[in-house]
Amino acid sequence: MTHTKSQEQFARRSHAYAKNCVLSNKDNLKHIVELTAPSGTDRLLDVATGTGFLAFEFAKHVSEVIGIDFTEEMLAIAKQYKADNDIKNVVFESADVESLPFNDNCFEIVSCRFALHHFLHPEKAISEMTRVLKHDGKLVLLDIISSEDVTKSEYQNEMEHIRDPSHVKQYRPSEITQMLNDRGFNILHFEDWPADFAFDEWISMSDPGVESTKRVKEMMIKAMKNNLTDLDIRLNDAGDLRFTYNTKIIVARKCSLRSH
């Protein structure tokens, strides 16, 4: 998956993401802010901001928010919402997380929601987020994670690749913990936030085509019967296929790297 292909995918489905009920979940957004406990003087960078859901929620509690994304169609929706609601303390810019156009140690908070699994080089992305974060600043991540069971993790990621060409990898919790520990973070919160999806809405977010949709649904049903993913896949009373993503809200404080 290249940056170009990822941009094309998000550009094509930008309005579907903007309307998604999980991504726009107000309780989730408020809870992330509460766990972060920002100060009114904080400056915050929201990485892979998309249509700006988290950026706008944080803007109610900090002095300034900069939201960055490399998909102009996503940013256009965020900028329109900003204009329509006369929001003054949020700025949106086009930028790549692997090469952030900001000085070292210039943000009190860096946030990133539902995006880590799309990054081609997650270690490089986290290193860049760490670089621009002030000492004792907070890194806030929310992302879908996979089972710690390697076989189940691989099965889930195979389904995701078929559904969404912008998908890179859903990491096991231990992998994310290791990436943060390697960069000297002290993890303050590592909290579950289950995200319930209807299969039809989930598949429509990426719109992979008839054959891929059929293949993913077959894999889902197989996984449901044999517990191949830990996604609590089930049929509701109406016979609709549903499942629950395992997601983690992580708040970590930037500390000095340990000596080796």
C-alpha atoms as a PDB file:
ATOM      1  CA  MET A   1       0.000   0.000   0.000  1.00  0.00           C
ATOM      2  CA  THR A   2       1.522   3.349  -1.011  1.00  0.00           C
ATOM      3  CA  HIS A   3       0.714   6.819   0.306  1.00  0.00           C
ATOM      4  CA  THR A   4      -0.894   7.588  -3.069  1.00  0.00           C
ATOM      5  CA  LYS A   5      -3.213   4.584  -2.942  1.00  0.00           C
ATOM      6  CA  SER A   6      -4.142   5.364   0.638  1.00  0.00           C
ATOM      7  CA  GLN A   7      -4.976   8.954  -0.303  1.00  0.00           C
ATOM      8  CA  GLU A   8      -7.133   7.724  -3.178  1.00  0.00           C
ATOM      9  CA  GLN A   9      -9.033   5.372  -0.881  1.00  0.00           C
ATOM     10  CA  PHE A  10      -9.762   8.024   1.739  1.00  0.00           C
ATOM     11  CA  ALA A  11     -10.623  10.627  -0.878  1.00  0.00           C
ATOM     12  CA  ARG A  12     -13.140   8.268  -2.467  1.00  0.00           C
ATOM     13  CA  ARG A  13     -14.833   7.452   0.842  1.00  0.00           C
ATOM     14  CA  SER A  14     -14.413  10.750   2.735  1.00  0.00           C
ATOM     15  CA  HIS A  15     -18.159  11.411   3.073  1.00  0.00           C
ATOM     16  CA  ALA A  16     -18.800   7.853   4.323  1.00  0.00           C
ATOM     17  CA  TYR A  17     -16.218   8.379   7.065  1.00  0.00           C
ATOM     18  CA  ALA A  18     -17.713  11.754   7.956  1.00  0.00           C
ATOM     19  CA  LYS A  19     -21.133  10.150   8.532  1.00  0.00           C
ATOM     20  CA  ASN A  20     -19.958   7.016  10.359  1.00  0.00           C
ATOM     21  CA  CYS A  21     -21.671   6.619  13.724  1.00  0.00           C
ATOM     22  CA  VAL A  22     -18.652   5.036  15.451  1.00  0.00           C
ATOM     23  CA  LEU A  23     -16.161   7.656  14.280  1.00  0.00           C
ATOM     24  CA  SER A  24     -18.537  10.455  15.307  1.00  0.00           C
ATOM     25  CA  ASN A  25     -19.457   8.883  18.667  1.00  0.00           C
ATOM     26  CA  LYS A  26     -19.677  11.839  21.069  1.00  0.00           C
ATOM     27  CA  ASP A  27     -19.312   9.761  24.227  1.00  0.00           C
ATOM     28  CA  ASN A  28     -16.064   8.312  22.918  1.00  0.00           C
ATOM     29  CA  LEU A  29     -14.712  11.721  21.932  1.00  0.00           C
ATOM     30  CA  LYS A  30     -15.585  13.228  25.319  1.00  0.00           C
ATOM     31  CA  HIS A  31     -14.065  10.283  27.178  1.00  0.00           C
ATOM     32  CA  ILE A  32     -10.770  10.622  25.302  1.00  0.00           C
ATOM     33  CA  VAL A  33     -10.601  14.285  26.301  1.00  0.00           C
ATOM     34  CA  GLU A  34     -11.464  13.452  29.920  1.00  0.00           C
ATOM     35  CA  LEU A  35      -8.704  10.831  30.127  1.00  0.00           C
ATOM     36  CA  THR A  36      -6.209  13.268  28.625  1.00  0.00           C
ATOM     37  CA  ALA A  37      -7.116  16.039  31.111  1.00  0.00           C
ATOM     38  CA  PRO A  38      -5.905  18.946  28.949  1.00  0.00           C
ATOM     39  CA  SER A  39      -5.127  22.425  30.190  1.00  0.00           C
ATOM     40  CA  GLY A  40      -6.743  25.499  28.706  1.00  0.00           C
ATOM     41  CA  THR A  41      -3.297  26.733  27.645  1.00  0.00           C
ATOM     42  CA  ASP A  42      -2.275  23.540  25.838  1.00  0.00           C
ATOM     43  CA  ARG A  43      -1.355  23.435  22.165  1.00  0.00           C
ATOM     44  CA  LEU A  44      -2.445  20.198  20.496  1.00  0.00           C
ATOM     45  CA  LEU A  45      -1.598  18.389  17.253  1.00  0.00           C
ATOM     46  CA  ASP A  46      -4.230  15.973  15.920  1.00  0.00           C
ATOM     47  CA  VAL A  47      -2.532  13.559  13.516  1.00  0.00           C
ATOM     48  CA  ALA A  48      -4.525  11.968  10.668  1.00  0.00           C
ATOM     49  CA  THR A  49      -7.389  14.227  11.724  1.00  0.00           C
ATOM     50  CA  GLY A  50      -9.655  13.107   8.873  1.00  0.00           C
ATOM     51  CA  THR A  51     -12.836  15.162   9.052  1.00  0.00           C
ATOM     52  CA  GLY A  52     -11.805  16.613  12.411  1.00  0.00           C
ATOM     53  CA  PHE A  53     -13.979  14.807  14.977  1.00  0.00           C
ATOM     54  CA  LEU A  54     -11.339  14.673  17.719  1.00  0.00           C
ATOM     55  CA  ALA A  55      -9.792  18.019  16.788  1.00  0.00           C
ATOM     56  CA  PHE A  56     -13.102  19.807  17.322  1.00  0.00           C
ATOM     57  CA  GLU A  57     -13.744  18.064  20.642  1.00  0.00           C
ATOM     58  CA  PHE A  58     -10.308  18.973  21.995  1.00  0.00           C
ATOM     59  CA  ALA A  59     -10.715  22.554  20.726  1.00  0.00           C
ATOM     60  CA  LYS A  60     -13.321  23.124  23.463  1.00  0.00           C
ATOM     61  CA  HIS A  61     -10.635  22.532  26.110  1.00  0.00           C
ATOM     62  CA  VAL A  62      -7.279  23.803  24.774  1.00  0.00           C
ATOM     63  CA  SER A  63      -5.919  27.055  23.360  1.00  0.00           C
ATOM     64  CA  GLU A  64      -5.030  25.832  19.879  1.00  0.00           C
ATOM     65  CA  VAL A  65      -5.474  22.707  17.740  1.00  0.00           C
ATOM     66  CA  ILE A  66      -3.652  21.908  14.526  1.00  0.00           C
ATOM     67  CA  GLY A  67      -5.204  19.030  12.597  1.00  0.00           C
ATOM     68  CA  ILE A  68      -3.119  17.393   9.887  1.00  0.00           C
ATOM     69  CA  ASP A  69      -4.010  14.874   7.217  1.00  0.00           C
ATOM     70  CA  PHE A  70      -2.732  14.090   3.721  1.00  0.00           C
ATOM     71  CA  THR A  71      -6.169  13.605   2.169  1.00  0.00           C
ATOM     72  CA  GLU A  72      -7.467  16.955   0.907  1.00  0.00           C
ATOM     73  CA  GLU A  73     -11.040  15.691   0.551  1.00  0.00           C
ATOM     74  CA  MET A  74     -11.127  14.849   4.273  1.00  0.00           C
ATOM     75  CA  LEU A  75      -9.653  18.230   5.188  1.00  0.00           C
ATOM     76  CA  ALA A  76     -12.208  20.014   2.988  1.00  0.00           C
ATOM     77  CA  ILE A  77     -15.052  18.542   5.077  1.00  0.00           C
ATOM     78  CA  ALA A  78     -13.292  19.556   8.310  1.00  0.00           C
ATOM     79  CA  LYS A  79     -12.654  23.087   7.048  1.00  0.00           C
ATOM     80  CA  GLN A  80     -16.292  23.476   6.015  1.00  0.00           C
ATOM     81  CA  TYR A  81     -17.496  22.387   9.455  1.00  0.00           C
ATOM     82  CA  LYS A  82     -15.069  24.853  11.042  1.00  0.00           C
ATOM     83  CA  ALA A  83     -16.406  27.690   8.882  1.00  0.00           C
ATOM     84  CA  ASP A  84     -20.053  26.765   9.403  1.00  0.00           C
ATOM     85  CA  ASN A  85     -19.603  26.732  13.184  1.00  0.00           C
ATOM     86  CA  ASP A  86     -17.240  29.725  13.388  1.00  0.00           C
ATOM     87  CA  ILE A  87     -14.558  27.791  15.284  1.00  0.00           C
ATOM     88  CA  LYS A  88     -11.528  30.034  15.779  1.00  0.00           C
ATOM     89  CA  ASN A  89      -8.853  27.930  17.474  1.00  0.00           C
ATOM     90  CA  VAL A  90      -8.503  25.056  14.980  1.00  0.00           C
ATOM     91  CA  VAL A  91      -6.283  25.057  11.909  1.00  0.00           C
ATOM     92  CA  PHE A  92      -6.156  22.268   9.329  1.00  0.00           C
ATOM     93  CA  GLU A  93      -3.057  21.567   7.245  1.00  0.00           C
ATOM     94  CA  SER A  94      -1.974  18.960   4.716  1.00  0.00           C
ATOM     95  CA  ALA A  95       0.977  17.013   6.121  1.00  0.00           C
ATOM     96  CA  ASP A  96       2.417  13.507   6.407  1.00  0.00           C
ATOM     97  CA  VAL A  97       2.868  11.988   9.864  1.00  0.00           C
ATOM     98  CA  GLU A  98       6.199  10.486   8.800  1.00  0.00           C
ATOM     99  CA  SER A  99       7.636  13.973   8.198  1.00  0.00           C
ATOM    100  CA  LEU A 100       5.829  16.477  10.402  1.00  0.00           C
ATOM    101  CA  PRO A 101       6.478  20.135   9.458  1.00  0.00           C
ATOM    102  CA  PHE A 102       6.896  21.271  13.077  1.00  0.00           C
ATOM    103  CA  ASN A 103       9.790  22.021  15.395  1.00  0.00           C
ATOM    104  CA  ASP A 104      10.884  19.694  18.185  1.00  0.00           C
ATOM    105  CA  ASN A 105       9.062  19.946  21.518  1.00  0.00           C
ATOM    106  CA  CYS A 106       6.298  22.328  20.444  1.00  0.00           C
ATOM    107  CA  PHE A 107       3.028  20.612  21.501  1.00  0.00           C
ATOM    108  CA  GLU A 108       1.717  19.699  24.947  1.00  0.00           C
ATOM    109  CA  ILE A 109      -0.532  17.009  23.433  1.00  0.00           C
ATOM    110  CA  VAL A 110      -0.383  14.919  20.255  1.00  0.00           C
ATOM    111  CA  SER A 111      -3.447  12.832  19.417  1.00  0.00           C
ATOM    112  CA  CYS A 112      -4.199  10.201  16.790  1.00  0.00           C
ATOM    113  CA  ARG A 113      -7.552   8.391  16.527  1.00  0.00           C
ATOM    114  CA  PHE A 114      -8.370   5.340  14.364  1.00  0.00           C
ATOM    115  CA  ALA A 115      -5.312   5.828  12.149  1.00  0.00           C
ATOM    116  CA  LEU A 116      -2.312   3.859  13.434  1.00  0.00           C
ATOM    117  CA  HIS A 117      -3.424   0.763  11.518  1.00  0.00           C
ATOM    118  CA  HIS A 118      -3.173   2.761   8.261  1.00  0.00           C
ATOM    119  CA  PHE A 119       0.439   3.950   8.757  1.00  0.00           C
ATOM    120  CA  LEU A 120       3.006   2.335   6.474  1.00  0.00           C
ATOM    121  CA  HIS A 121       5.793   2.820   9.017  1.00  0.00           C
ATOM    122  CA  PRO A 122       4.216   3.072  12.487  1.00  0.00           C
ATOM    123  CA  GLU A 123       7.531   3.276  14.324  1.00  0.00           C
ATOM    124  CA  LYS A 124       8.553   6.265  12.194  1.00  0.00           C
ATOM    125  CA  ALA A 125       5.142   7.900  12.720  1.00  0.00           C
ATOM    126  CA  ILE A 126       5.345   7.478  16.497  1.00  0.00           C
ATOM    127  CA  SER A 127       8.922   8.767  16.479  1.00  0.00           C
ATOM    128  CA  GLU A 128       7.779  11.920  14.667  1.00  0.00           C
ATOM    129  CA  MET A 129       4.877  12.398  17.071  1.00  0.00           C
ATOM    130  CA  THR A 130       7.337  11.962  19.938  1.00  0.00           C
ATOM    131  CA  ARG A 131       9.749  14.495  18.456  1.00  0.00           C
ATOM    132  CA  VAL A 132       7.207  17.332  18.291  1.00  0.00           C
ATOM    133  CA  LEU A 133       5.822  16.544  21.749  1.00  0.00           C
ATOM    134  CA  LYS A 134       7.193  18.460  24.724  1.00  0.00           C
ATOM    135  CA  HIS A 135       8.890  16.642  27.598  1.00  0.00           C
ATOM    136  CA  ASP A 136       6.124  15.487  29.976  1.00  0.00           C
ATOM    137  CA  GLY A 137       3.626  16.041  27.143  1.00  0.00           C
ATOM    138  CA  LYS A 138       0.925  13.471  26.410  1.00  0.00           C
ATOM    139  CA  LEU A 139       0.486  11.183  23.421  1.00  0.00           C
ATOM    140  CA  VAL A 140      -3.138  10.103  22.929  1.00  0.00           C
ATOM    141  CA  LEU A 141      -3.919   7.105  20.731  1.00  0.00           C
ATOM    142  CA  LEU A 142      -7.146   5.320  19.958  1.00  0.00           C
ATOM    143  CA  ASP A 143      -6.975   2.438  17.564  1.00  0.00           C
ATOM    144  CA  ILE A 144      -8.443  -0.901  16.647  1.00  0.00           C
ATOM    145  CA  ILE A 145      -6.338  -3.742  17.970  1.00  0.00           C
ATOM    146  CA  SER A 146      -6.206  -7.432  17.165  1.00  0.00           C
ATOM    147  CA  SER A 147      -6.142 -10.483  19.374  1.00  0.00           C
ATOM    148  CA  GLU A 148      -2.890 -11.351  21.155  1.00  0.00           C
ATOM    149  CA  ASP A 149      -3.331 -14.767  19.569  1.00  0.00           C
ATOM    150  CA  VAL A 150      -1.073 -14.527  16.504  1.00  0.00           C
ATOM    151  CA  THR A 151      -3.228 -16.827  14.354  1.00  0.00           C
ATOM    152  CA  LYS A 152      -6.377 -14.829  15.134  1.00  0.00           C
ATOM    153  CA  SER A 153      -4.500 -11.579  14.531  1.00  0.00           C
ATOM    154  CA  GLU A 154      -3.386 -12.758  11.109  1.00  0.00           C
ATOM    155  CA  TYR A 155      -6.922 -13.868  10.180  1.00  0.00           C
ATOM    156  CA  GLN A 156      -8.399 -10.518  11.205  1.00  0.00           C
ATOM    157  CA  ASN A 157      -5.749  -8.608   9.260  1.00  0.00           C
ATOM    158  CA  GLU A 158      -6.371 -10.736   6.173  1.00  0.00           C
ATOM    159  CA  MET A 159     -10.063  -9.754   6.263  1.00  0.00           C
ATOM    160  CA  GLU A 160      -9.125  -6.108   6.693  1.00  0.00           C
ATOM    161  CA  HIS A 161      -6.758  -6.134   3.727  1.00  0.00           C
ATOM    162  CA  ILE A 162      -9.478  -7.545   1.481  1.00  0.00           C
ATOM    163  CA  ARG A 163     -12.041  -5.003   2.710  1.00  0.00           C
ATOM    164  CA  ASP A 164      -9.826  -1.913   2.733  1.00  0.00           C
ATOM    165  CA  PRO A 165      -6.698  -1.413   0.590  1.00  0.00           C
ATOM    166  CA  SER A 166      -5.557   1.409   2.894  1.00  0.00           C
ATOM    167  CA  HIS A 167      -5.261  -1.034   5.797  1.00  0.00           C
ATOM    168  CA  VAL A 168      -1.719  -1.908   6.883  1.00  0.00           C
ATOM    169  CA  LYS A 169      -1.993  -3.757  10.197  1.00  0.00           C
ATOM    170  CA  GLN A 170      -4.081  -3.937  13.328  1.00  0.00           C
ATOM    171  CA  TYR A 171      -1.542  -4.444  16.077  1.00  0.00           C
ATOM    172  CA  ARG A 172      -1.713  -6.630  19.147  1.00  0.00           C
ATOM    173  CA  PRO A 173      -1.827  -4.621  22.398  1.00  0.00           C
ATOM    174  CA  SER A 174       1.633  -5.884  23.329  1.00  0.00           C
ATOM    175  CA  GLU A 175       3.040  -4.537  20.048  1.00  0.00           C
ATOM    176  CA  ILE A 176       1.681  -1.042  20.694  1.00  0.00           C
ATOM    177  CA  THR A 177       2.948  -1.127  24.274  1.00  0.00           C
ATOM    178  CA  GLN A 178       6.403  -2.093  23.030  1.00  0.00           C
ATOM    179  CA  MET A 179       6.479   0.754  20.480  1.00  0.00           C
ATOM    180  CA  LEU A 180       5.671   3.253  23.225  1.00  0.00           C
ATOM    181  CA  ASN A 181       8.062   1.748  25.764  1.00  0.00           C
ATOM    182  CA  ASP A 182      10.852   1.854  23.180  1.00  0.00           C
ATOM    183  CA  ARG A 183      10.371   5.629  22.929  1.00  0.00           C
ATOM    184  CA  GLY A 184      10.414   6.225  26.660  1.00  0.00           C
ATOM    185  CA  PHE A 185       6.696   6.721  27.280  1.00  0.00           C
ATOM    186  CA  ASN A 186       5.024   6.124  30.606  1.00  0.00           C
ATOM    187  CA  ILE A 187       1.560   4.705  29.883  1.00  0.00           C
ATOM    188  CA  LEU A 188      -1.058   6.438  32.036  1.00  0.00           C
ATOM    189  CA  HIS A 189      -4.223   4.837  30.614  1.00  0.00           C
ATOM    190  CA  PHE A 190      -4.659   1.680  28.535  1.00  0.00           C
ATOM    191  CA  GLU A 191      -8.398   1.292  28.365  1.00  0.00           C
ATOM    192  CA  ASP A 192     -10.827  -0.834  26.357  1.00  0.00           C
ATOM    193  CA  TRP A 193     -13.483   0.869  24.260  1.00  0.00           C
ATOM    194  CA  PRO A 194     -15.550  -1.737  22.344  1.00  0.00           C
ATOM    195  CA  ALA A 195     -16.823  -0.451  18.995  1.00  0.00           C
ATOM    196  CA  ASP A 196     -19.900  -2.250  17.722  1.00  0.00           C
ATOM    197  CA  PHE A 197     -20.421  -2.400  13.939  1.00  0.00           C
ATOM    198  CA  ALA A 198     -23.065  -3.659  11.561  1.00  0.00           C
ATOM    199  CA  PHE A 199     -21.355  -5.550   8.751  1.00  0.00           C
ATOM    200  CA  ASP A 200     -23.142  -3.563   6.024  1.00  0.00           C
ATOM    201  CA  GLU A 201     -22.092  -0.180   7.427  1.00  0.00           C
ATOM    202  CA  TRP A 202     -18.541  -1.380   8.024  1.00  0.00           C
ATOM    203  CA  ILE A 203     -18.143  -2.718   4.490  1.00  0.00           C
ATOM    204  CA  SER A 204     -19.675   0.430   2.963  1.00  0.00           C
ATOM    205  CA  MET A 205     -16.942   2.570   4.549  1.00  0.00           C
ATOM    206  CA  SER A 206     -14.430   1.109   2.105  1.00  0.00           C
ATOM    207  CA  ASP A 207     -16.798  -0.174  -0.625  1.00  0.00           C
ATOM    208  CA  PRO A 208     -14.457  -2.920  -1.872  1.00  0.00           C
ATOM    209  CA  GLY A 209     -16.762  -4.290  -4.576  1.00  0.00           C
ATOM    210  CA  VAL A 210     -19.114  -7.247  -4.816  1.00  0.00           C
ATOM    211  CA  GLU A 211     -16.552 -10.064  -4.914  1.00  0.00           C
ATOM    212  CA  SER A 212     -14.451  -8.748  -2.041  1.00  0.00           C
ATOM    213  CA  THR A 213     -17.569  -8.060   0.031  1.00  0.00           C
ATOM    214  CA  LYS A 214     -18.730 -11.633  -0.528  1.00  0.00           C
ATOM    215  CA  ARG A 215     -15.316 -13.020   0.420  1.00  0.00           C
ATOM    216  CA  VAL A 216     -15.088 -10.969   3.616  1.00  0.00           C
ATOM    217  CA  LYS A 217     -18.613 -11.953   4.652  1.00  0.00           C
ATOM    218  CA  GLU A 218     -17.762 -15.628   4.144  1.00  0.00           C
ATOM    219  CA  MET A 219     -14.649 -15.163   6.291  1.00  0.00           C
ATOM    220  CA  MET A 220     -16.721 -13.421   8.965  1.00  0.00           C
ATOM    221  CA  ILE A 221     -19.256 -16.259   9.122  1.00  0.00           C
ATOM    222  CA  LYS A 222     -16.462 -18.840   9.267  1.00  0.00           C
ATOM    223  CA  ALA A 223     -14.799 -16.845  12.060  1.00  0.00           C
ATOM    224  CA  MET A 224     -18.096 -16.637  13.949  1.00  0.00           C
ATOM    225  CA  LYS A 225     -18.516 -20.409  13.902  1.00  0.00           C
ATOM    226  CA  ASN A 226     -14.930 -21.144  14.927  1.00  0.00           C
ATOM    227  CA  ASN A 227     -13.944 -18.056  16.981  1.00  0.00           C
ATOM    228  CA  LEU A 228     -11.115 -17.170  14.634  1.00  0.00           C
ATOM    229  CA  THR A 229     -10.882 -13.473  15.523  1.00  0.00           C
ATOM    230  CA  ASP A 230     -12.161 -12.621  19.061  1.00  0.00           C
ATOM    231  CA  LEU A 231     -14.470 -10.062  17.410  1.00  0.00           C
ATOM    232  CA  ASP A 232     -17.718 -11.362  18.962  1.00  0.00           C
ATOM    233  CA  ILE A 233     -19.238 -11.887  15.507  1.00  0.00           C
ATOM    234  CA  ARG A 234     -22.965 -12.662  15.694  1.00  0.00           C
ATOM    235  CA  LEU A 235     -26.347 -12.431  14.012  1.00  0.00           C
ATOM    236  CA  ASN A 236     -28.939 -10.163  15.612  1.00  0.00           C
ATOM    237  CA  ASP A 237     -32.660 -10.959  15.854  1.00  0.00           C
ATOM    238  CA  ALA A 238     -33.199  -9.610  12.335  1.00  0.00           C
ATOM    239  CA  GLY A 239     -30.486 -11.889  10.962  1.00  0.00           C
ATOM    240  CA  ASP A 240     -28.019  -9.052  10.348  1.00  0.00           C
ATOM    241  CA  LEU A 241     -24.333  -9.737  10.809  1.00  0.00           C
ATOM    242  CA  ARG A 242     -22.674  -7.677  13.550  1.00  0.00           C
ATOM    243  CA  PHE A 243     -19.320  -7.686  15.337  1.00  0.00           C
ATOM    244  CA  THR A 244     -17.383  -5.718  17.937  1.00  0.00           C
ATOM    245  CA  TYR A 245     -13.987  -4.223  17.271  1.00  0.00           C
ATOM    246  CA  ASN A 246     -11.556  -4.360  20.136  1.00  0.00           C
ATOM    247  CA  THR A 247     -10.166  -0.846  20.483  1.00  0.00           C
ATOM    248  CA  LYS A 248      -7.809   0.729  23.001  1.00  0.00           C
ATOM    249  CA  ILE A 249      -7.646   4.289  24.295  1.00  0.00           C
ATOM    250  CA  ILE A 250      -4.036   4.961  25.265  1.00  0.00           C
ATOM    251  CA  VAL A 251      -2.724   8.045  27.040  1.00  0.00           C
ATOM    252  CA  ALA A 252       1.038   8.099  27.582  1.00  0.00           C
ATOM    253  CA  ARG A 253       3.430  10.686  28.984  1.00  0.00           C
ATOM    254  CA  LYS A 254       6.693  11.491  27.211  1.00  0.00           C
ATOM    255  CA  CYS A 255       9.636  10.821  29.505  1.00  0.00           C
ATOM    256  CA  SER A 256      13.379  10.547  28.970  1.00  0.00           C
ATOM    257  CA  LEU A 257      14.530   7.429  27.177  1.00  0.00           C
ATOM    258  CA  ARG A 258      16.021   4.892  29.526  1.00  0.00           C
ATOM    259  CA  SER A 259      19.742   4.323  29.231  1.00  0.00           C
ATOM    260  CA  HIS A 260      20.790   0.945  27.898  1.00  0.00           C
END
